[in-house]
Amino acid sequence: MEAYGIGPRIALAPRYADATLEYTGCDVSSTGDKAWFDIPFKCNVVYAGCTVTTVTSGATVVAFDRRHTAGSDGSDRTAGTIANITIPTLTNPGTMVYDKAAQGSLTKAAADALITAATCRAAGGYWDGTYCKNHTYGELQPGNEVVVQIVSGTTGKFTPVLVVDMLGETMANLDDVLETA
């Protein structure tokens, strides 16, 4: 088994709902999921942000949600545990508004009260097969996904940013990683 080392602090590249969003930025005039970050290695989120590309009118709320299972909108999606950002009205292009919510964690008492994998993951905990464990919301591994969801807004556009620190780990230790035959 080969381990990979701790890497540099990097910004992951987002995928967008359509190609125009990649060019112009996420339009806050419509709500819903607009971008996704695929997680290629075990990492900790340092911060998530929104870089304004078109001046905003009206406060905009953007949630960065963690999906335990990429592509699933099942019961394991958190609500704003990676970031919950409010872009103030009249924010100018070039301004980045960020949040470090991912550095927080579920308390031990809250984790102990969660008795199923689905409720544990939705709350931001880690299910070990028997119990819910509290850990940093921003600890991610391959198979997870971060979803950028516009909760509310009037006008304006932004590009999402997700900055992570790579963590050392042996691939065989990760839950949803398989080496091809």
N, C-alpha and C. Protein backbone atom coordinates (compact mmCIF):
# COMPACT_ATOMS: atom_id res chain seq x y z
N MET A 1 0.84 -1.18 0.00
CA MET A 1 0.00 0.00 0.00
C MET A 1 0.89 1.24 0.00
N GLU A 2 0.57 2.12 -0.89
CA GLU A 2 1.36 3.33 -1.01
C GLU A 2 0.60 4.51 -0.45
N ALA A 3 1.26 5.29 0.39
CA ALA A 3 0.64 6.48 0.97
C ALA A 3 1.01 7.69 0.15
N TYR A 4 0.13 8.66 0.11
CA TYR A 4 0.50 9.92 -0.51
C TYR A 4 0.80 10.91 0.59
N GLY A 5 1.64 11.87 0.30
CA GLY A 5 2.08 12.82 1.32
C GLY A 5 1.13 13.98 1.49
N ILE A 6 1.46 14.79 2.46
CA ILE A 6 0.69 16.01 2.67
C ILE A 6 1.10 17.00 1.60
N GLY A 7 0.14 17.51 0.90
CA GLY A 7 0.42 18.39 -0.22
C GLY A 7 0.25 19.85 0.14
N PRO A 8 0.34 20.69 -0.84
CA PRO A 8 0.22 22.13 -0.61
C PRO A 8 -1.23 22.56 -0.37
N ARG A 9 -1.38 23.78 0.07
CA ARG A 9 -2.71 24.37 0.17
C ARG A 9 -3.11 24.74 -1.26
N ILE A 10 -4.29 24.26 -1.69
CA ILE A 10 -4.71 24.51 -3.08
C ILE A 10 -6.17 24.90 -3.14
N ALA A 11 -6.55 25.51 -4.24
CA ALA A 11 -7.96 25.79 -4.54
C ALA A 11 -8.43 24.73 -5.54
N LEU A 12 -9.50 24.01 -5.17
CA LEU A 12 -10.06 23.01 -6.08
C LEU A 12 -10.87 23.69 -7.17
N ALA A 13 -10.93 23.07 -8.32
CA ALA A 13 -11.68 23.62 -9.46
C ALA A 13 -13.13 23.15 -9.40
N PRO A 14 -14.09 24.07 -9.56
CA PRO A 14 -15.50 23.67 -9.53
C PRO A 14 -15.98 23.15 -10.88
N ARG A 15 -17.06 22.35 -10.84
CA ARG A 15 -17.85 22.00 -12.03
C ARG A 15 -19.11 22.85 -11.94
N TYR A 16 -19.67 23.22 -13.08
CA TYR A 16 -20.84 24.09 -13.09
C TYR A 16 -22.05 23.41 -13.71
N ALA A 17 -23.25 23.93 -13.38
CA ALA A 17 -24.50 23.39 -13.91
C ALA A 17 -24.55 23.49 -15.44
N ASP A 18 -23.94 24.53 -16.00
CA ASP A 18 -23.81 24.64 -17.46
C ASP A 18 -22.59 25.50 -17.79
N ALA A 19 -22.14 25.42 -19.03
CA ALA A 19 -20.90 26.07 -19.44
C ALA A 19 -20.93 27.59 -19.31
N THR A 20 -22.08 28.21 -19.45
CA THR A 20 -22.14 29.67 -19.35
C THR A 20 -21.78 30.14 -17.95
N LEU A 21 -22.09 29.36 -16.94
CA LEU A 21 -21.77 29.75 -15.56
C LEU A 21 -20.27 29.77 -15.33
N GLU A 22 -19.54 28.87 -16.00
CA GLU A 22 -18.09 28.85 -15.87
C GLU A 22 -17.48 30.13 -16.43
N TYR A 23 -18.06 30.64 -17.48
CA TYR A 23 -17.56 31.86 -18.12
C TYR A 23 -17.99 33.13 -17.38
N THR A 24 -19.26 33.22 -17.00
CA THR A 24 -19.80 34.46 -16.43
C THR A 24 -19.91 34.46 -14.91
N GLY A 25 -19.92 33.28 -14.30
CA GLY A 25 -20.13 33.17 -12.86
C GLY A 25 -21.56 32.76 -12.55
N CYS A 26 -21.77 32.32 -11.33
CA CYS A 26 -23.10 31.88 -10.89
C CYS A 26 -24.01 33.09 -10.74
N ASP A 27 -25.16 33.06 -11.40
CA ASP A 27 -26.13 34.15 -11.39
C ASP A 27 -27.04 33.99 -10.17
N VAL A 28 -27.03 34.98 -9.28
CA VAL A 28 -27.77 34.87 -8.02
C VAL A 28 -29.27 35.13 -8.18
N SER A 29 -29.73 35.45 -9.39
CA SER A 29 -31.16 35.71 -9.59
C SER A 29 -31.99 34.43 -9.60
N SER A 30 -31.34 33.27 -9.64
CA SER A 30 -32.10 32.02 -9.54
C SER A 30 -31.44 31.13 -8.49
N THR A 31 -32.27 30.50 -7.67
CA THR A 31 -31.77 29.68 -6.57
C THR A 31 -31.50 28.25 -7.03
N GLY A 32 -30.83 27.50 -6.18
CA GLY A 32 -30.57 26.09 -6.46
C GLY A 32 -29.09 25.78 -6.54
N ASP A 33 -28.79 24.51 -6.84
CA ASP A 33 -27.41 24.05 -6.96
C ASP A 33 -26.81 24.57 -8.26
N LYS A 34 -25.66 25.24 -8.15
CA LYS A 34 -25.05 25.87 -9.33
C LYS A 34 -23.66 25.35 -9.65
N ALA A 35 -22.94 24.82 -8.65
CA ALA A 35 -21.59 24.32 -8.88
C ALA A 35 -21.28 23.21 -7.88
N TRP A 36 -20.28 22.39 -8.22
CA TRP A 36 -19.88 21.27 -7.39
C TRP A 36 -18.36 21.18 -7.36
N PHE A 37 -17.83 20.74 -6.23
CA PHE A 37 -16.40 20.45 -6.11
C PHE A 37 -16.26 18.96 -5.84
N ASP A 38 -15.57 18.24 -6.73
CA ASP A 38 -15.27 16.83 -6.52
C ASP A 38 -14.05 16.75 -5.62
N ILE A 39 -14.04 15.82 -4.70
CA ILE A 39 -12.94 15.68 -3.75
C ILE A 39 -12.05 14.51 -4.19
N PRO A 40 -10.80 14.82 -4.64
CA PRO A 40 -9.93 13.76 -5.18
C PRO A 40 -8.98 13.12 -4.17
N PHE A 41 -8.92 13.66 -2.93
CA PHE A 41 -8.00 13.15 -1.91
C PHE A 41 -8.50 13.59 -0.55
N LYS A 42 -7.98 12.97 0.50
CA LYS A 42 -8.38 13.37 1.85
C LYS A 42 -7.82 14.77 2.11
N CYS A 43 -8.68 15.64 2.64
CA CYS A 43 -8.26 17.03 2.84
C CYS A 43 -9.11 17.70 3.92
N ASN A 44 -8.64 18.85 4.38
CA ASN A 44 -9.38 19.71 5.28
C ASN A 44 -9.66 21.03 4.58
N VAL A 45 -10.89 21.49 4.66
CA VAL A 45 -11.25 22.78 4.07
C VAL A 45 -10.67 23.90 4.94
N VAL A 46 -9.97 24.83 4.31
CA VAL A 46 -9.44 26.00 5.01
C VAL A 46 -10.51 27.08 5.01
N TYR A 47 -11.06 27.37 3.83
CA TYR A 47 -12.19 28.28 3.72
C TYR A 47 -12.87 28.10 2.37
N ALA A 48 -14.10 28.56 2.29
CA ALA A 48 -14.85 28.61 1.04
C ALA A 48 -15.21 30.07 0.81
N GLY A 49 -15.33 30.45 -0.44
CA GLY A 49 -15.64 31.85 -0.72
C GLY A 49 -16.36 32.04 -2.04
N CYS A 50 -16.79 33.28 -2.23
CA CYS A 50 -17.46 33.70 -3.46
C CYS A 50 -16.75 34.97 -3.94
N THR A 51 -16.17 34.91 -5.14
CA THR A 51 -15.55 36.09 -5.73
C THR A 51 -16.57 36.74 -6.64
N VAL A 52 -16.99 37.94 -6.30
CA VAL A 52 -18.02 38.65 -7.06
C VAL A 52 -17.47 39.05 -8.43
N THR A 53 -18.24 38.73 -9.49
CA THR A 53 -17.84 39.09 -10.85
C THR A 53 -18.74 40.16 -11.47
N THR A 54 -19.95 40.31 -10.93
CA THR A 54 -20.88 41.36 -11.35
C THR A 54 -21.51 41.92 -10.09
N VAL A 55 -21.55 43.24 -9.95
CA VAL A 55 -22.04 43.89 -8.73
C VAL A 55 -23.37 43.28 -8.27
N THR A 56 -23.50 43.07 -6.97
CA THR A 56 -24.73 42.48 -6.43
C THR A 56 -25.72 43.56 -6.02
N SER A 57 -26.97 43.21 -6.13
CA SER A 57 -28.06 44.09 -5.68
C SER A 57 -28.92 43.25 -4.77
N GLY A 58 -29.02 43.63 -3.52
CA GLY A 58 -29.73 42.82 -2.53
C GLY A 58 -28.78 41.79 -1.96
N ALA A 59 -28.95 41.49 -0.70
CA ALA A 59 -28.09 40.50 -0.04
C ALA A 59 -28.28 39.13 -0.68
N THR A 60 -27.19 38.42 -0.86
CA THR A 60 -27.20 37.09 -1.48
C THR A 60 -26.71 36.08 -0.45
N VAL A 61 -27.42 34.96 -0.32
CA VAL A 61 -27.01 33.90 0.59
C VAL A 61 -26.62 32.67 -0.24
N VAL A 62 -25.40 32.17 0.03
CA VAL A 62 -24.86 31.01 -0.67
C VAL A 62 -24.42 29.98 0.36
N ALA A 63 -24.89 28.74 0.21
CA ALA A 63 -24.49 27.66 1.11
C ALA A 63 -23.56 26.70 0.38
N PHE A 64 -22.49 26.30 1.05
CA PHE A 64 -21.61 25.25 0.56
C PHE A 64 -21.92 24.03 1.42
N ASP A 65 -22.59 23.04 0.81
CA ASP A 65 -23.04 21.84 1.51
C ASP A 65 -22.10 20.68 1.21
N ARG A 66 -21.92 19.80 2.18
CA ARG A 66 -21.13 18.59 1.95
C ARG A 66 -22.07 17.43 1.68
N ARG A 67 -21.77 16.69 0.61
CA ARG A 67 -22.46 15.43 0.33
C ARG A 67 -21.49 14.32 0.69
N HIS A 68 -21.94 13.43 1.55
CA HIS A 68 -21.09 12.29 1.89
C HIS A 68 -20.91 11.39 0.66
N THR A 69 -21.96 11.25 -0.13
CA THR A 69 -21.94 10.43 -1.33
C THR A 69 -22.11 11.34 -2.55
N ALA A 70 -21.06 11.48 -3.35
CA ALA A 70 -21.10 12.35 -4.53
C ALA A 70 -22.28 11.99 -5.43
N GLY A 71 -22.98 13.02 -5.93
CA GLY A 71 -24.09 12.82 -6.84
C GLY A 71 -25.39 12.44 -6.19
N SER A 72 -25.41 12.29 -4.87
CA SER A 72 -26.62 11.86 -4.18
C SER A 72 -27.28 13.04 -3.48
N ASP A 73 -28.58 13.14 -3.61
CA ASP A 73 -29.31 14.12 -2.82
C ASP A 73 -30.10 13.40 -1.75
N GLY A 74 -29.56 12.29 -1.30
CA GLY A 74 -30.19 11.52 -0.23
C GLY A 74 -30.08 12.25 1.09
N SER A 75 -30.19 11.50 2.14
CA SER A 75 -30.25 12.09 3.47
C SER A 75 -28.88 12.44 4.04
N ASP A 76 -27.80 12.28 3.27
CA ASP A 76 -26.48 12.55 3.83
C ASP A 76 -25.90 13.90 3.42
N ARG A 77 -26.70 14.80 2.92
CA ARG A 77 -26.25 16.13 2.54
C ARG A 77 -26.40 17.08 3.73
N THR A 78 -25.32 17.79 4.05
CA THR A 78 -25.38 18.77 5.13
C THR A 78 -25.94 20.08 4.60
N ALA A 79 -26.24 21.01 5.47
CA ALA A 79 -26.77 22.31 5.07
C ALA A 79 -25.83 23.42 5.55
N GLY A 80 -24.96 23.86 4.65
CA GLY A 80 -24.08 24.98 4.96
C GLY A 80 -22.96 24.69 5.94
N THR A 81 -22.59 23.42 6.14
CA THR A 81 -21.53 23.13 7.10
C THR A 81 -20.14 23.48 6.57
N ILE A 82 -19.97 23.52 5.26
CA ILE A 82 -18.69 23.93 4.69
C ILE A 82 -18.61 25.46 4.68
N ALA A 83 -19.68 26.12 4.32
CA ALA A 83 -19.75 27.58 4.40
C ALA A 83 -21.19 28.03 4.25
N ASN A 84 -21.51 29.13 4.88
CA ASN A 84 -22.81 29.79 4.76
C ASN A 84 -22.50 31.27 4.59
N ILE A 85 -22.49 31.73 3.35
CA ILE A 85 -21.97 33.06 3.01
C ILE A 85 -23.11 34.01 2.67
N THR A 86 -23.04 35.22 3.22
CA THR A 86 -23.94 36.30 2.83
C THR A 86 -23.10 37.36 2.12
N ILE A 87 -23.39 37.56 0.84
CA ILE A 87 -22.72 38.60 0.06
C ILE A 87 -23.56 39.87 0.24
N PRO A 88 -23.00 40.92 0.82
CA PRO A 88 -23.78 42.14 1.07
C PRO A 88 -24.25 42.81 -0.22
N THR A 89 -25.32 43.56 -0.13
CA THR A 89 -25.81 44.31 -1.29
C THR A 89 -24.74 45.30 -1.76
N LEU A 90 -24.70 45.53 -3.05
CA LEU A 90 -23.76 46.45 -3.71
C LEU A 90 -22.29 46.07 -3.52
N THR A 91 -22.03 44.76 -3.41
CA THR A 91 -20.65 44.29 -3.36
C THR A 91 -20.06 44.38 -4.76
N ASN A 92 -18.89 44.99 -4.86
CA ASN A 92 -18.25 45.25 -6.16
C ASN A 92 -17.52 44.03 -6.70
N PRO A 93 -17.39 43.96 -8.04
CA PRO A 93 -16.61 42.89 -8.66
C PRO A 93 -15.18 42.89 -8.12
N GLY A 94 -14.63 41.69 -7.99
CA GLY A 94 -13.28 41.54 -7.47
C GLY A 94 -13.23 41.32 -5.97
N THR A 95 -14.35 41.51 -5.28
CA THR A 95 -14.40 41.28 -3.84
C THR A 95 -14.68 39.81 -3.58
N MET A 96 -13.90 39.19 -2.69
CA MET A 96 -14.17 37.82 -2.30
C MET A 96 -14.71 37.82 -0.87
N VAL A 97 -15.89 37.23 -0.70
CA VAL A 97 -16.50 37.07 0.62
C VAL A 97 -16.30 35.60 0.99
N TYR A 98 -15.73 35.34 2.18
CA TYR A 98 -15.41 33.96 2.54
C TYR A 98 -15.93 33.59 3.92
N ASP A 99 -15.90 32.29 4.20
CA ASP A 99 -16.37 31.75 5.47
C ASP A 99 -15.48 30.58 5.86
N LYS A 100 -15.21 30.44 7.15
CA LYS A 100 -14.40 29.34 7.67
C LYS A 100 -15.24 28.40 8.54
N ALA A 101 -16.54 28.29 8.24
CA ALA A 101 -17.44 27.43 9.02
C ALA A 101 -16.97 25.98 9.02
N ALA A 102 -16.30 25.54 7.97
CA ALA A 102 -15.84 24.15 7.86
C ALA A 102 -14.84 23.79 8.94
N GLN A 103 -14.27 24.77 9.61
CA GLN A 103 -13.32 24.48 10.67
C GLN A 103 -14.02 24.14 11.99
N GLY A 104 -15.36 24.33 12.04
CA GLY A 104 -16.14 23.95 13.21
C GLY A 104 -16.41 22.45 13.21
N SER A 105 -17.08 21.97 14.23
CA SER A 105 -17.39 20.55 14.27
C SER A 105 -18.65 20.28 15.09
N LEU A 106 -19.21 19.13 14.85
CA LEU A 106 -20.33 18.62 15.62
C LEU A 106 -19.81 18.32 17.03
N THR A 107 -20.57 18.68 18.06
CA THR A 107 -20.11 18.40 19.42
C THR A 107 -20.24 16.90 19.71
N LYS A 108 -19.50 16.43 20.71
CA LYS A 108 -19.56 15.02 21.08
C LYS A 108 -20.97 14.66 21.56
N ALA A 109 -21.59 15.54 22.34
CA ALA A 109 -22.95 15.28 22.85
C ALA A 109 -23.94 15.16 21.68
N ALA A 110 -23.82 16.05 20.70
CA ALA A 110 -24.72 15.99 19.54
C ALA A 110 -24.46 14.72 18.74
N ALA A 111 -23.19 14.35 18.55
CA ALA A 111 -22.86 13.13 17.82
C ALA A 111 -23.40 11.90 18.53
N ASP A 112 -23.29 11.86 19.86
CA ASP A 112 -23.77 10.72 20.64
C ASP A 112 -25.29 10.53 20.51
N ALA A 113 -26.01 11.61 20.25
CA ALA A 113 -27.47 11.54 20.14
C ALA A 113 -27.93 11.02 18.77
N LEU A 114 -27.04 10.96 17.80
CA LEU A 114 -27.41 10.52 16.44
C LEU A 114 -27.14 9.03 16.30
N ILE A 115 -28.19 8.27 15.96
CA ILE A 115 -28.07 6.82 16.02
C ILE A 115 -28.14 6.11 14.66
N THR A 116 -28.22 6.86 13.56
CA THR A 116 -28.19 6.23 12.23
C THR A 116 -27.13 6.92 11.38
N ALA A 117 -26.64 6.22 10.37
CA ALA A 117 -25.63 6.78 9.47
C ALA A 117 -26.17 8.02 8.77
N ALA A 118 -27.42 7.98 8.32
CA ALA A 118 -28.00 9.10 7.58
C ALA A 118 -28.10 10.36 8.43
N THR A 119 -28.60 10.24 9.67
CA THR A 119 -28.74 11.44 10.51
C THR A 119 -27.38 11.96 10.94
N CYS A 120 -26.43 11.06 11.17
CA CYS A 120 -25.08 11.47 11.54
C CYS A 120 -24.42 12.27 10.41
N ARG A 121 -24.47 11.74 9.20
CA ARG A 121 -23.84 12.41 8.05
C ARG A 121 -24.52 13.73 7.72
N ALA A 122 -25.85 13.77 7.80
CA ALA A 122 -26.58 15.01 7.51
C ALA A 122 -26.23 16.11 8.51
N ALA A 123 -25.88 15.72 9.73
CA ALA A 123 -25.51 16.70 10.76
C ALA A 123 -24.03 17.11 10.65
N GLY A 124 -23.28 16.42 9.79
CA GLY A 124 -21.87 16.75 9.61
C GLY A 124 -20.92 15.85 10.37
N GLY A 125 -21.43 14.76 10.94
CA GLY A 125 -20.59 13.81 11.67
C GLY A 125 -20.03 12.74 10.76
N TYR A 126 -19.26 11.83 11.34
CA TYR A 126 -18.68 10.70 10.61
C TYR A 126 -19.21 9.42 11.23
N TRP A 127 -19.84 8.57 10.43
CA TRP A 127 -20.41 7.32 10.90
C TRP A 127 -19.34 6.24 10.78
N ASP A 128 -18.98 5.59 11.88
CA ASP A 128 -17.91 4.58 11.86
C ASP A 128 -18.43 3.16 11.66
N GLY A 129 -19.70 3.02 11.32
CA GLY A 129 -20.31 1.71 11.14
C GLY A 129 -21.21 1.33 12.30
N THR A 130 -20.96 1.95 13.47
CA THR A 130 -21.76 1.69 14.66
C THR A 130 -22.20 2.98 15.34
N TYR A 131 -21.29 3.94 15.42
CA TYR A 131 -21.55 5.18 16.15
C TYR A 131 -21.24 6.41 15.30
N CYS A 132 -21.87 7.52 15.69
CA CYS A 132 -21.58 8.81 15.06
C CYS A 132 -20.40 9.45 15.81
N LYS A 133 -19.42 9.87 15.07
CA LYS A 133 -18.23 10.51 15.65
C LYS A 133 -18.20 11.98 15.26
N ASN A 134 -17.86 12.83 16.22
CA ASN A 134 -17.71 14.24 15.88
C ASN A 134 -16.33 14.42 15.24
N HIS A 135 -16.27 15.22 14.21
CA HIS A 135 -15.01 15.59 13.59
C HIS A 135 -15.23 16.89 12.84
N THR A 136 -14.18 17.49 12.39
CA THR A 136 -14.27 18.77 11.69
C THR A 136 -15.18 18.65 10.48
N TYR A 137 -16.13 19.59 10.31
CA TYR A 137 -17.05 19.57 9.17
C TYR A 137 -16.30 19.52 7.85
N GLY A 138 -15.17 20.19 7.79
CA GLY A 138 -14.43 20.31 6.54
C GLY A 138 -13.47 19.19 6.24
N GLU A 139 -13.48 18.11 7.03
CA GLU A 139 -12.63 16.97 6.69
C GLU A 139 -13.34 16.17 5.60
N LEU A 140 -12.73 16.13 4.44
CA LEU A 140 -13.33 15.49 3.27
C LEU A 140 -12.43 14.39 2.75
N GLN A 141 -13.02 13.45 2.01
CA GLN A 141 -12.25 12.39 1.38
C GLN A 141 -12.87 12.02 0.04
N PRO A 142 -12.11 11.28 -0.81
CA PRO A 142 -12.66 10.89 -2.10
C PRO A 142 -14.04 10.24 -1.93
N GLY A 143 -14.95 10.58 -2.82
CA GLY A 143 -16.32 10.09 -2.73
C GLY A 143 -17.25 11.15 -2.15
N ASN A 144 -16.69 12.15 -1.46
CA ASN A 144 -17.48 13.29 -0.97
C ASN A 144 -17.58 14.33 -2.09
N GLU A 145 -18.45 15.28 -1.89
CA GLU A 145 -18.66 16.36 -2.86
C GLU A 145 -19.11 17.60 -2.09
N VAL A 146 -18.68 18.76 -2.54
CA VAL A 146 -19.16 20.02 -1.97
C VAL A 146 -20.05 20.68 -3.02
N VAL A 147 -21.28 21.01 -2.62
CA VAL A 147 -22.27 21.60 -3.51
C VAL A 147 -22.42 23.08 -3.19
N VAL A 148 -22.40 23.92 -4.23
CA VAL A 148 -22.60 25.36 -4.07
C VAL A 148 -24.06 25.64 -4.42
N GLN A 149 -24.81 26.08 -3.41
CA GLN A 149 -26.25 26.29 -3.58
C GLN A 149 -26.57 27.76 -3.32
N ILE A 150 -27.23 28.40 -4.29
CA ILE A 150 -27.72 29.77 -4.08
C ILE A 150 -29.05 29.64 -3.35
N VAL A 151 -29.09 30.18 -2.13
CA VAL A 151 -30.27 30.11 -1.28
C VAL A 151 -31.20 31.27 -1.59
N SER A 152 -30.63 32.48 -1.74
CA SER A 152 -31.43 33.66 -2.09
C SER A 152 -30.52 34.72 -2.70
N GLY A 153 -31.12 35.58 -3.49
CA GLY A 153 -30.38 36.68 -4.11
C GLY A 153 -31.27 37.45 -5.06
N THR A 154 -30.80 38.61 -5.50
CA THR A 154 -31.56 39.44 -6.43
C THR A 154 -30.86 39.50 -7.78
N THR A 155 -29.75 40.24 -7.85
CA THR A 155 -28.95 40.27 -9.08
C THR A 155 -27.47 40.27 -8.71
N GLY A 156 -26.66 39.82 -9.65
CA GLY A 156 -25.22 39.76 -9.47
C GLY A 156 -24.71 38.38 -9.80
N LYS A 157 -23.38 38.26 -9.90
CA LYS A 157 -22.75 36.98 -10.22
C LYS A 157 -21.48 36.82 -9.41
N PHE A 158 -21.10 35.55 -9.19
CA PHE A 158 -19.88 35.24 -8.45
C PHE A 158 -19.30 33.92 -8.94
N THR A 159 -18.03 33.69 -8.64
CA THR A 159 -17.42 32.38 -8.87
C THR A 159 -17.09 31.79 -7.51
N PRO A 160 -17.37 30.49 -7.31
CA PRO A 160 -17.10 29.85 -6.02
C PRO A 160 -15.63 29.47 -5.87
N VAL A 161 -15.15 29.50 -4.62
CA VAL A 161 -13.77 29.16 -4.30
C VAL A 161 -13.79 28.16 -3.14
N LEU A 162 -12.98 27.11 -3.23
CA LEU A 162 -12.83 26.15 -2.14
C LEU A 162 -11.34 25.86 -1.97
N VAL A 163 -10.78 26.30 -0.83
CA VAL A 163 -9.36 26.15 -0.55
C VAL A 163 -9.19 25.05 0.50
N VAL A 164 -8.31 24.07 0.20
CA VAL A 164 -8.11 22.92 1.08
C VAL A 164 -6.63 22.67 1.34
N ASP A 165 -6.37 21.98 2.44
CA ASP A 165 -5.05 21.43 2.75
C ASP A 165 -5.15 19.92 2.56
N MET A 166 -4.26 19.36 1.74
CA MET A 166 -4.23 17.92 1.50
C MET A 166 -3.70 17.22 2.75
N LEU A 167 -4.32 16.10 3.13
CA LEU A 167 -3.90 15.33 4.29
C LEU A 167 -3.23 14.03 3.85
N GLY A 168 -2.22 13.61 4.57
CA GLY A 168 -1.56 12.34 4.27
C GLY A 168 -2.46 11.17 4.63
N GLU A 169 -2.52 10.18 3.77
CA GLU A 169 -3.37 9.02 4.03
C GLU A 169 -2.99 7.91 3.07
N THR A 170 -3.22 6.68 3.48
CA THR A 170 -3.07 5.52 2.60
C THR A 170 -4.40 5.32 1.90
N MET A 171 -4.39 5.22 0.59
CA MET A 171 -5.63 5.11 -0.17
C MET A 171 -6.51 3.96 0.32
N ALA A 172 -5.91 2.84 0.73
CA ALA A 172 -6.67 1.68 1.19
C ALA A 172 -7.46 1.97 2.47
N ASN A 173 -7.11 3.00 3.21
CA ASN A 173 -7.82 3.33 4.45
C ASN A 173 -9.09 4.15 4.21
N LEU A 174 -9.28 4.66 2.99
CA LEU A 174 -10.41 5.53 2.71
C LEU A 174 -11.66 4.71 2.40
N ASP A 175 -12.81 5.18 2.89
CA ASP A 175 -14.07 4.44 2.79
C ASP A 175 -14.49 4.06 1.37
N ASP A 176 -14.47 5.02 0.46
CA ASP A 176 -15.05 4.81 -0.86
C ASP A 176 -14.01 4.86 -1.98
N VAL A 177 -12.84 4.24 -1.75
CA VAL A 177 -11.77 4.24 -2.74
C VAL A 177 -11.41 2.78 -3.06
N LEU A 178 -11.41 2.44 -4.33
CA LEU A 178 -11.05 1.10 -4.79
C LEU A 178 -10.01 1.22 -5.90
N GLU A 179 -8.98 0.39 -5.83
CA GLU A 179 -7.98 0.36 -6.90
C GLU A 179 -8.48 -0.60 -7.97
N THR A 180 -8.33 -0.21 -9.23
CA THR A 180 -8.78 -1.05 -10.33
C THR A 180 -7.96 -2.34 -10.39
N ALA A 181 -8.57 -3.38 -10.92
CA ALA A 181 -7.89 -4.69 -11.01
C ALA A 181 -6.82 -4.68 -12.08
